[in-house]
């Protein structure tokens, strides 16, 4: 028995992560720099919506979906206009001819998506087969990659079964302090880093990810030898007031981050390595 065709479905959203990993339970896809677009086909009627349920008028896409040999379809993807050329990059299918696919594992949904005879401007998003997908994204100028659990169902919320790895900026910063670890963490909690603007040593934020246990212990041992009584930053907003230690600004680290905030702080920073 077929289910009634839904007029709207809240799209699944990926959670931003600073972690970089691979594993057999994950597949990776390119993250396109476009607009989320959901397509609802019922007979000859094709409705396109943004992720906020705003109607979208893209006749080229609507006409191509209308020609697909199915009476009912619900597709999820991203629409782009590189060089003025429209492309609808489809990465999921939630419904086919009265069959609700949302509780199927992702790999089964992708197998069904692969059977659709897509023609331009419709494109199926192919998995990124690379040992370090985020490095490929960086080198090819993509916005990033999405890591998806192969067994994930389609959830109508932001989920950690889909993780967004955005391409990063990277820069060297100088450590001016650190915080104590909390809970089961060892060594230190976060590095407090800055950079020079002329004579000013400007606080840029705290780095709390990108460490393993040994690095945390090694950094704590090195920084303990540089400890001083007051903060070395000459221009600082938002310094921690408790559990902070200050060090001579000598240790340089490389930091990856998404962007600078309007307040001159690092957005979603992570440690890439120790420079010296």
C-alpha atoms as a PDB file:
ATOM      1  CA  UNK A   1       0.000   0.000   0.000  1.00  0.00           C
ATOM      2  CA  UNK A   2       1.456   3.354  -1.040  1.00  0.00           C
ATOM      3  CA  UNK A   3       1.771   6.259   1.390  1.00  0.00           C
ATOM      4  CA  UNK A   4       0.167   9.666   0.759  1.00  0.00           C
ATOM      5  CA  UNK A   5       2.518  12.018  -1.041  1.00  0.00           C
ATOM      6  CA  UNK A   6       3.880  14.692   1.341  1.00  0.00           C
ATOM      7  CA  UNK A   7       3.710  18.346   0.328  1.00  0.00           C
ATOM      8  CA  UNK A   8       6.840  19.210   2.319  1.00  0.00           C
ATOM      9  CA  UNK A   9       9.695  17.515   4.180  1.00  0.00           C
ATOM     10  CA  UNK A  10      12.169  19.315   6.439  1.00  0.00           C
ATOM     11  CA  UNK A  11      15.624  18.665   4.958  1.00  0.00           C
ATOM     12  CA  UNK A  12      18.337  16.859   6.858  1.00  0.00           C
ATOM     13  CA  UNK A  13      21.225  19.164   7.829  1.00  0.00           C
ATOM     14  CA  UNK A  14      24.893  18.390   8.417  1.00  0.00           C
ATOM     15  CA  UNK A  15      26.738  19.349  11.594  1.00  0.00           C
ATOM     16  CA  UNK A  16      29.933  21.367  11.190  1.00  0.00           C
ATOM     17  CA  UNK A  17      33.017  19.566  12.494  1.00  0.00           C
ATOM     18  CA  UNK A  18      36.669  20.495  12.850  1.00  0.00           C
ATOM     19  CA  UNK A  19      37.720  16.835  13.027  1.00  0.00           C
ATOM     20  CA  UNK A  20      39.344  15.210  10.014  1.00  0.00           C
ATOM     21  CA  UNK A  21      38.880  11.455   9.668  1.00  0.00           C
ATOM     22  CA  UNK A  22      37.946   8.596   7.365  1.00  0.00           C
ATOM     23  CA  UNK A  23      36.595   5.121   8.043  1.00  0.00           C
ATOM     24  CA  UNK A  24      34.724   2.260   6.379  1.00  0.00           C
ATOM     25  CA  UNK A  25      31.414   3.382   7.925  1.00  0.00           C
ATOM     26  CA  UNK A  26      31.627   6.801   6.244  1.00  0.00           C
ATOM     27  CA  UNK A  27      31.312   8.037   2.666  1.00  0.00           C
ATOM     28  CA  UNK A  28      32.298  11.501   1.503  1.00  0.00           C
ATOM     29  CA  UNK A  29      30.711  13.878  -0.991  1.00  0.00           C
ATOM     30  CA  UNK A  30      31.695  17.241  -2.376  1.00  0.00           C
ATOM     31  CA  UNK A  31      29.998  20.191  -0.706  1.00  0.00           C
ATOM     32  CA  UNK A  32      28.823  22.527  -3.451  1.00  0.00           C
ATOM     33  CA  UNK A  33      28.802  26.290  -3.025  1.00  0.00           C
ATOM     34  CA  UNK A  34      25.166  26.809  -3.948  1.00  0.00           C
ATOM     35  CA  UNK A  35      21.643  26.787  -2.550  1.00  0.00           C
ATOM     36  CA  UNK A  36      19.863  23.765  -1.043  1.00  0.00           C
ATOM     37  CA  UNK A  37      17.009  22.694  -3.298  1.00  0.00           C
ATOM     38  CA  UNK A  38      14.309  20.056  -2.696  1.00  0.00           C
ATOM     39  CA  UNK A  39      12.266  18.817  -5.643  1.00  0.00           C
ATOM     40  CA  UNK A  40       8.743  17.345  -5.347  1.00  0.00           C
ATOM     41  CA  UNK A  41       7.343  15.613  -8.452  1.00  0.00           C
ATOM     42  CA  UNK A  42       3.741  14.365  -8.549  1.00  0.00           C
ATOM     43  CA  UNK A  43       2.669  13.535 -12.061  1.00  0.00           C
ATOM     44  CA  UNK A  44       3.441  16.516 -14.294  1.00  0.00           C
ATOM     45  CA  UNK A  45       3.495  18.891 -11.318  1.00  0.00           C
ATOM     46  CA  UNK A  46       7.006  19.733 -10.091  1.00  0.00           C
ATOM     47  CA  UNK A  47       7.543  21.985  -7.095  1.00  0.00           C
ATOM     48  CA  UNK A  48      10.972  23.292  -6.053  1.00  0.00           C
ATOM     49  CA  UNK A  49      11.701  24.634  -2.561  1.00  0.00           C
ATOM     50  CA  UNK A  50      14.628  26.079  -0.637  1.00  0.00           C
ATOM     51  CA  UNK A  51      15.602  24.539   2.708  1.00  0.00           C
ATOM     52  CA  UNK A  52      13.291  27.104   4.368  1.00  0.00           C
ATOM     53  CA  UNK A  53      10.306  25.988   2.252  1.00  0.00           C
ATOM     54  CA  UNK A  54      10.442  29.020  -0.036  1.00  0.00           C
ATOM     55  CA  UNK A  55       9.219  28.260  -3.594  1.00  0.00           C
ATOM     56  CA  UNK A  56      11.929  28.395  -6.273  1.00  0.00           C
ATOM     57  CA  UNK A  57      11.358  29.015  -9.972  1.00  0.00           C
ATOM     58  CA  UNK A  58      13.997  27.208 -12.051  1.00  0.00           C
ATOM     59  CA  UNK A  59      12.250  26.030 -15.235  1.00  0.00           C
ATOM     60  CA  UNK A  60      15.333  24.248 -16.573  1.00  0.00           C
ATOM     61  CA  UNK A  61      15.438  22.025 -13.492  1.00  0.00           C
ATOM     62  CA  UNK A  62      11.655  21.582 -13.267  1.00  0.00           C
ATOM     63  CA  UNK A  63      11.425  20.492 -16.912  1.00  0.00           C
ATOM     64  CA  UNK A  64      14.228  17.935 -16.520  1.00  0.00           C
ATOM     65  CA  UNK A  65      12.634  16.425 -13.393  1.00  0.00           C
ATOM     66  CA  UNK A  66       9.222  16.318 -15.090  1.00  0.00           C
ATOM     67  CA  UNK A  67      10.700  14.050 -17.789  1.00  0.00           C
ATOM     68  CA  UNK A  68      11.935  11.430 -15.308  1.00  0.00           C
ATOM     69  CA  UNK A  69      10.003   8.134 -15.665  1.00  0.00           C
ATOM     70  CA  UNK A  70       8.354   8.197 -12.242  1.00  0.00           C
ATOM     71  CA  UNK A  71       5.001   9.549 -11.141  1.00  0.00           C
ATOM     72  CA  UNK A  72       6.244  10.572  -7.689  1.00  0.00           C
ATOM     73  CA  UNK A  73       9.704  11.695  -6.620  1.00  0.00           C
ATOM     74  CA  UNK A  74      11.226  13.717  -3.806  1.00  0.00           C
ATOM     75  CA  UNK A  75      14.850  14.681  -4.389  1.00  0.00           C
ATOM     76  CA  UNK A  76      17.381  16.561  -2.288  1.00  0.00           C
ATOM     77  CA  UNK A  77      20.372  18.432  -3.632  1.00  0.00           C
ATOM     78  CA  UNK A  78      22.189  21.695  -4.247  1.00  0.00           C
ATOM     79  CA  UNK A  79      21.702  24.074  -7.150  1.00  0.00           C
ATOM     80  CA  UNK A  80      24.648  26.050  -8.551  1.00  0.00           C
ATOM     81  CA  UNK A  81      25.202  28.533 -11.377  1.00  0.00           C
ATOM     82  CA  UNK A  82      28.928  28.372 -12.222  1.00  0.00           C
ATOM     83  CA  UNK A  83      29.608  30.716 -15.112  1.00  0.00           C
ATOM     84  CA  UNK A  84      25.866  31.234 -15.461  1.00  0.00           C
ATOM     85  CA  UNK A  85      25.279  27.524 -16.170  1.00  0.00           C
ATOM     86  CA  UNK A  86      22.579  25.903 -14.007  1.00  0.00           C
ATOM     87  CA  UNK A  87      23.328  22.591 -12.296  1.00  0.00           C
ATOM     88  CA  UNK A  88      21.189  20.646  -9.840  1.00  0.00           C
ATOM     89  CA  UNK A  89      23.477  18.298  -7.905  1.00  0.00           C
ATOM     90  CA  UNK A  90      21.282  15.562  -6.390  1.00  0.00           C
ATOM     91  CA  UNK A  91      22.657  13.686  -3.381  1.00  0.00           C
ATOM     92  CA  UNK A  92      19.569  11.944  -1.962  1.00  0.00           C
ATOM     93  CA  UNK A  93      16.140  10.566  -2.847  1.00  0.00           C
ATOM     94  CA  UNK A  94      13.467  10.323  -0.141  1.00  0.00           C
ATOM     95  CA  UNK A  95      10.450   9.126  -2.139  1.00  0.00           C
ATOM     96  CA  UNK A  96       9.719   7.104  -5.281  1.00  0.00           C
ATOM     97  CA  UNK A  97       6.195   6.280  -6.520  1.00  0.00           C
ATOM     98  CA  UNK A  98       4.418   5.996  -3.185  1.00  0.00           C
ATOM     99  CA  UNK A  99       7.395   4.426  -1.437  1.00  0.00           C
ATOM    100  CA  UNK A 100       8.810   6.357   1.527  1.00  0.00           C
ATOM    101  CA  UNK A 101      12.597   5.800   1.487  1.00  0.00           C
ATOM    102  CA  UNK A 102      13.575   7.876   4.520  1.00  0.00           C
ATOM    103  CA  UNK A 103      14.086   4.926   6.868  1.00  0.00           C
ATOM    104  CA  UNK A 104      16.330   3.081   4.419  1.00  0.00           C
ATOM    105  CA  UNK A 105      20.100   3.253   5.025  1.00  0.00           C
ATOM    106  CA  UNK A 106      21.844   5.913   2.955  1.00  0.00           C
ATOM    107  CA  UNK A 107      23.613   3.353   0.778  1.00  0.00           C
ATOM    108  CA  UNK A 108      20.270   1.839  -0.278  1.00  0.00           C
ATOM    109  CA  UNK A 109      18.839   5.279  -1.076  1.00  0.00           C
ATOM    110  CA  UNK A 110      21.922   6.073  -3.166  1.00  0.00           C
ATOM    111  CA  UNK A 111      21.534   2.798  -5.064  1.00  0.00           C
ATOM    112  CA  UNK A 112      17.985   3.840  -5.987  1.00  0.00           C
ATOM    113  CA  UNK A 113      19.182   7.318  -6.915  1.00  0.00           C
ATOM    114  CA  UNK A 114      21.763   5.762  -9.221  1.00  0.00           C
ATOM    115  CA  UNK A 115      18.955   4.101 -11.196  1.00  0.00           C
ATOM    116  CA  UNK A 116      17.362   7.439 -12.127  1.00  0.00           C
ATOM    117  CA  UNK A 117      18.250   8.430 -15.722  1.00  0.00           C
ATOM    118  CA  UNK A 118      19.483  11.922 -14.921  1.00  0.00           C
ATOM    119  CA  UNK A 119      20.391  14.281 -17.740  1.00  0.00           C
ATOM    120  CA  UNK A 120      21.622  17.871 -17.644  1.00  0.00           C
ATOM    121  CA  UNK A 121      21.113  20.050 -15.699  1.00  0.00           C
ATOM    122  CA  UNK A 122      20.503  17.158 -13.264  1.00  0.00           C
ATOM    123  CA  UNK A 123      23.659  15.564 -11.873  1.00  0.00           C
ATOM    124  CA  UNK A 124      24.093  12.782  -9.341  1.00  0.00           C
ATOM    125  CA  UNK A 125      26.654  13.651  -6.667  1.00  0.00           C
ATOM    126  CA  UNK A 126      29.396  11.025  -6.792  1.00  0.00           C
ATOM    127  CA  UNK A 127      31.244   9.838  -3.666  1.00  0.00           C
ATOM    128  CA  UNK A 128      34.733  11.284  -3.224  1.00  0.00           C
ATOM    129  CA  UNK A 129      37.124   8.320  -3.346  1.00  0.00           C
ATOM    130  CA  UNK A 130      40.202   9.803  -1.713  1.00  0.00           C
ATOM    131  CA  UNK A 131      42.301   9.001   1.357  1.00  0.00           C
ATOM    132  CA  UNK A 132      42.038  12.628   2.514  1.00  0.00           C
ATOM    133  CA  UNK A 133      38.850  14.075   0.959  1.00  0.00           C
ATOM    134  CA  UNK A 134      39.258  17.437   2.734  1.00  0.00           C
ATOM    135  CA  UNK A 135      42.716  17.896   1.171  1.00  0.00           C
ATOM    136  CA  UNK A 136      41.272  17.270  -2.274  1.00  0.00           C
ATOM    137  CA  UNK A 137      38.542  19.818  -1.519  1.00  0.00           C
ATOM    138  CA  UNK A 138      41.189  22.370  -0.545  1.00  0.00           C
ATOM    139  CA  UNK A 139      43.338  21.745  -3.631  1.00  0.00           C
ATOM    140  CA  UNK A 140      40.403  21.864  -6.060  1.00  0.00           C
ATOM    141  CA  UNK A 141      38.812  24.968  -4.559  1.00  0.00           C
ATOM    142  CA  UNK A 142      35.643  23.306  -3.267  1.00  0.00           C
ATOM    143  CA  UNK A 143      33.667  24.706  -0.348  1.00  0.00           C
ATOM    144  CA  UNK A 144      34.336  21.480   1.549  1.00  0.00           C
ATOM    145  CA  UNK A 145      33.147  17.889   1.884  1.00  0.00           C
ATOM    146  CA  UNK A 146      30.266  16.177   3.678  1.00  0.00           C
ATOM    147  CA  UNK A 147      30.945  12.961   5.601  1.00  0.00           C
ATOM    148  CA  UNK A 148      27.868  10.725   5.793  1.00  0.00           C
ATOM    149  CA  UNK A 149      27.370   7.507   7.705  1.00  0.00           C
ATOM    150  CA  UNK A 150      26.583   4.766   5.210  1.00  0.00           C
ATOM    151  CA  UNK A 151      23.808   3.379   7.417  1.00  0.00           C
ATOM    152  CA  UNK A 152      22.168   6.746   8.198  1.00  0.00           C
ATOM    153  CA  UNK A 153      18.435   7.210   7.745  1.00  0.00           C
ATOM    154  CA  UNK A 154      17.053  10.537   6.508  1.00  0.00           C
ATOM    155  CA  UNK A 155      16.455  12.713   9.577  1.00  0.00           C
ATOM    156  CA  UNK A 156      14.476  15.970   9.576  1.00  0.00           C
ATOM    157  CA  UNK A 157      16.994  17.857  11.700  1.00  0.00           C
ATOM    158  CA  UNK A 158      20.656  18.746  12.021  1.00  0.00           C
ATOM    159  CA  UNK A 159      22.413  15.450  12.592  1.00  0.00           C
ATOM    160  CA  UNK A 160      25.864  14.173  13.483  1.00  0.00           C
ATOM    161  CA  UNK A 161      25.313  11.331  11.014  1.00  0.00           C
ATOM    162  CA  UNK A 162      26.160  13.936   8.369  1.00  0.00           C
ATOM    163  CA  UNK A 163      29.252  16.009   9.161  1.00  0.00           C
ATOM    164  CA  UNK A 164      30.367  19.082   7.242  1.00  0.00           C
ATOM    165  CA  UNK A 165      34.104  19.666   6.784  1.00  0.00           C
ATOM    166  CA  UNK A 166      34.591  23.136   5.351  1.00  0.00           C
ATOM    167  CA  UNK A 167      37.811  24.169   3.651  1.00  0.00           C
ATOM    168  CA  UNK A 168      40.090  26.063   5.949  1.00  0.00           C
ATOM    169  CA  UNK A 169      42.412  28.990   6.019  1.00  0.00           C
ATOM    170  CA  UNK A 170      45.685  28.369   7.829  1.00  0.00           C
ATOM    171  CA  UNK A 171      48.121  30.695   9.542  1.00  0.00           C
ATOM    172  CA  UNK A 172      50.908  30.661  12.102  1.00  0.00           C
ATOM    173  CA  UNK A 173      50.097  32.060  15.554  1.00  0.00           C
ATOM    174  CA  UNK A 174      52.110  32.564  18.721  1.00  0.00           C
ATOM    175  CA  UNK A 175      51.046  30.959  21.972  1.00  0.00           C
ATOM    176  CA  UNK A 176      50.544  33.497  24.765  1.00  0.00           C
ATOM    177  CA  UNK A 177      48.903  31.213  27.299  1.00  0.00           C
ATOM    178  CA  UNK A 178      46.837  28.120  27.953  1.00  0.00           C
ATOM    179  CA  UNK A 179      43.992  26.924  30.145  1.00  0.00           C
ATOM    180  CA  UNK A 180      43.882  23.995  32.559  1.00  0.00           C
ATOM    181  CA  UNK A 181      42.317  20.722  31.378  1.00  0.00           C
ATOM    182  CA  UNK A 182      38.896  19.741  32.637  1.00  0.00           C
ATOM    183  CA  UNK A 183      37.207  16.384  33.057  1.00  0.00           C
ATOM    184  CA  UNK A 184      39.298  13.502  31.715  1.00  0.00           C
ATOM    185  CA  UNK A 185      41.474  15.704  29.508  1.00  0.00           C
ATOM    186  CA  UNK A 186      45.183  15.846  30.366  1.00  0.00           C
ATOM    187  CA  UNK A 187      47.949  18.380  29.853  1.00  0.00           C
ATOM    188  CA  UNK A 188      46.013  21.483  28.958  1.00  0.00           C
ATOM    189  CA  UNK A 189      42.552  22.619  27.945  1.00  0.00           C
ATOM    190  CA  UNK A 190      43.176  25.114  25.145  1.00  0.00           C
ATOM    191  CA  UNK A 191      45.989  27.206  23.730  1.00  0.00           C
ATOM    192  CA  UNK A 192      45.522  30.987  23.847  1.00  0.00           C
ATOM    193  CA  UNK A 193      47.091  32.385  20.697  1.00  0.00           C
ATOM    194  CA  UNK A 194      47.783  35.743  19.124  1.00  0.00           C
ATOM    195  CA  UNK A 195      49.581  37.561  16.356  1.00  0.00           C
ATOM    196  CA  UNK A 196      51.467  40.817  15.986  1.00  0.00           C
ATOM    197  CA  UNK A 197      50.010  43.970  14.470  1.00  0.00           C
ATOM    198  CA  UNK A 198      52.984  46.312  14.531  1.00  0.00           C
ATOM    199  CA  UNK A 199      53.999  46.575  18.180  1.00  0.00           C
ATOM    200  CA  UNK A 200      50.728  45.090  19.457  1.00  0.00           C
ATOM    201  CA  UNK A 201      50.443  41.413  20.420  1.00  0.00           C
ATOM    202  CA  UNK A 202      46.776  40.795  19.586  1.00  0.00           C
ATOM    203  CA  UNK A 203      44.736  37.970  21.105  1.00  0.00           C
ATOM    204  CA  UNK A 204      43.076  35.858  18.360  1.00  0.00           C
ATOM    205  CA  UNK A 205      41.285  33.152  20.332  1.00  0.00           C
ATOM    206  CA  UNK A 206      41.612  29.738  21.950  1.00  0.00           C
ATOM    207  CA  UNK A 207      42.520  26.464  20.227  1.00  0.00           C
ATOM    208  CA  UNK A 208      40.923  23.416  21.835  1.00  0.00           C
ATOM    209  CA  UNK A 209      40.900  20.754  19.096  1.00  0.00           C
ATOM    210  CA  UNK A 210      43.541  19.011  16.995  1.00  0.00           C
ATOM    211  CA  UNK A 211      45.493  17.441  19.872  1.00  0.00           C
ATOM    212  CA  UNK A 212      46.171  13.868  20.863  1.00  0.00           C
ATOM    213  CA  UNK A 213      47.050  12.886  24.429  1.00  0.00           C
ATOM    214  CA  UNK A 214      50.806  12.828  23.877  1.00  0.00           C
ATOM    215  CA  UNK A 215      50.812  16.256  22.245  1.00  0.00           C
ATOM    216  CA  UNK A 216      48.790  17.698  25.130  1.00  0.00           C
ATOM    217  CA  UNK A 217      51.368  16.398  27.606  1.00  0.00           C
ATOM    218  CA  UNK A 218      54.338  17.531  25.511  1.00  0.00           C
ATOM    219  CA  UNK A 219      52.929  21.037  25.061  1.00  0.00           C
ATOM    220  CA  UNK A 220      52.202  21.376  28.771  1.00  0.00           C
ATOM    221  CA  UNK A 221      55.793  20.438  29.600  1.00  0.00           C
ATOM    222  CA  UNK A 222      57.161  22.984  27.112  1.00  0.00           C
ATOM    223  CA  UNK A 223      54.797  25.753  28.150  1.00  0.00           C
ATOM    224  CA  UNK A 224      55.417  25.271  31.873  1.00  0.00           C
ATOM    225  CA  UNK A 225      59.020  26.344  31.210  1.00  0.00           C
ATOM    226  CA  UNK A 226      57.811  29.585  29.571  1.00  0.00           C
ATOM    227  CA  UNK A 227      55.270  30.563  32.245  1.00  0.00           C
ATOM    228  CA  UNK A 228      55.127  34.204  33.331  1.00  0.00           C
ATOM    229  CA  UNK A 229      53.021  36.161  35.788  1.00  0.00           C
ATOM    230  CA  UNK A 230      50.813  38.230  33.489  1.00  0.00           C
ATOM    231  CA  UNK A 231      49.210  38.025  30.066  1.00  0.00           C
ATOM    232  CA  UNK A 232      51.625  38.942  27.248  1.00  0.00           C
ATOM    233  CA  UNK A 233      48.791  40.193  25.018  1.00  0.00           C
ATOM    234  CA  UNK A 234      48.771  43.977  24.657  1.00  0.00           C
ATOM    235  CA  UNK A 235      45.456  44.041  22.825  1.00  0.00           C
ATOM    236  CA  UNK A 236      42.922  41.503  24.026  1.00  0.00           C
ATOM    237  CA  UNK A 237      39.168  41.091  24.324  1.00  0.00           C
ATOM    238  CA  UNK A 238      37.640  37.925  25.730  1.00  0.00           C
ATOM    239  CA  UNK A 239      40.610  36.440  27.578  1.00  0.00           C
ATOM    240  CA  UNK A 240      39.633  33.729  30.064  1.00  0.00           C
ATOM    241  CA  UNK A 241      39.535  34.964  33.638  1.00  0.00           C
ATOM    242  CA  UNK A 242      39.980  31.647  35.455  1.00  0.00           C
ATOM    243  CA  UNK A 243      42.239  28.596  35.047  1.00  0.00           C
ATOM    244  CA  UNK A 244      44.518  30.500  32.661  1.00  0.00           C
ATOM    245  CA  UNK A 245      48.324  30.418  32.580  1.00  0.00           C
ATOM    246  CA  UNK A 246      50.450  32.979  30.737  1.00  0.00           C
ATOM    247  CA  UNK A 247      53.664  32.263  28.855  1.00  0.00           C
ATOM    248  CA  UNK A 248      56.390  34.166  27.065  1.00  0.00           C
ATOM    249  CA  UNK A 249      55.284  34.432  23.390  1.00  0.00           C
ATOM    250  CA  UNK A 250      57.873  32.113  21.857  1.00  0.00           C
ATOM    251  CA  UNK A 251      56.089  28.924  20.771  1.00  0.00           C
ATOM    252  CA  UNK A 252      54.634  29.119  17.229  1.00  0.00           C
ATOM    253  CA  UNK A 253      51.787  26.871  16.074  1.00  0.00           C
ATOM    254  CA  UNK A 254      49.984  26.439  12.766  1.00  0.00           C
ATOM    255  CA  UNK A 255      46.218  26.801  13.047  1.00  0.00           C
ATOM    256  CA  UNK A 256      43.429  25.936  10.620  1.00  0.00           C
ATOM    257  CA  UNK A 257      40.239  28.002  10.798  1.00  0.00           C
ATOM    258  CA  UNK A 258      37.179  28.802   8.708  1.00  0.00           C
ATOM    259  CA  UNK A 259      37.342  32.594   8.786  1.00  0.00           C
ATOM    260  CA  UNK A 260      37.969  35.694  10.895  1.00  0.00           C
ATOM    261  CA  UNK A 261      34.976  36.961  12.856  1.00  0.00           C
ATOM    262  CA  UNK A 262      33.965  40.628  12.759  1.00  0.00           C
ATOM    263  CA  UNK A 263      35.575  40.910  16.206  1.00  0.00           C
ATOM    264  CA  UNK A 264      38.961  39.726  14.948  1.00  0.00           C
ATOM    265  CA  UNK A 265      38.745  36.218  16.394  1.00  0.00           C
ATOM    266  CA  UNK A 266      39.274  32.830  14.745  1.00  0.00           C
ATOM    267  CA  UNK A 267      36.104  30.971  13.807  1.00  0.00           C
ATOM    268  CA  UNK A 268      36.226  27.194  14.417  1.00  0.00           C
ATOM    269  CA  UNK A 269      39.996  26.941  14.853  1.00  0.00           C
ATOM    270  CA  UNK A 270      41.953  23.701  15.236  1.00  0.00           C
ATOM    271  CA  UNK A 271      45.604  22.935  15.757  1.00  0.00           C
ATOM    272  CA  UNK A 272      47.407  21.713  12.654  1.00  0.00           C
ATOM    273  CA  UNK A 273      50.867  21.422  14.180  1.00  0.00           C
ATOM    274  CA  UNK A 274      53.694  22.962  16.169  1.00  0.00           C
ATOM    275  CA  UNK A 275      56.030  25.092  14.064  1.00  0.00           C
ATOM    276  CA  UNK A 276      58.729  25.699  16.640  1.00  0.00           C
END
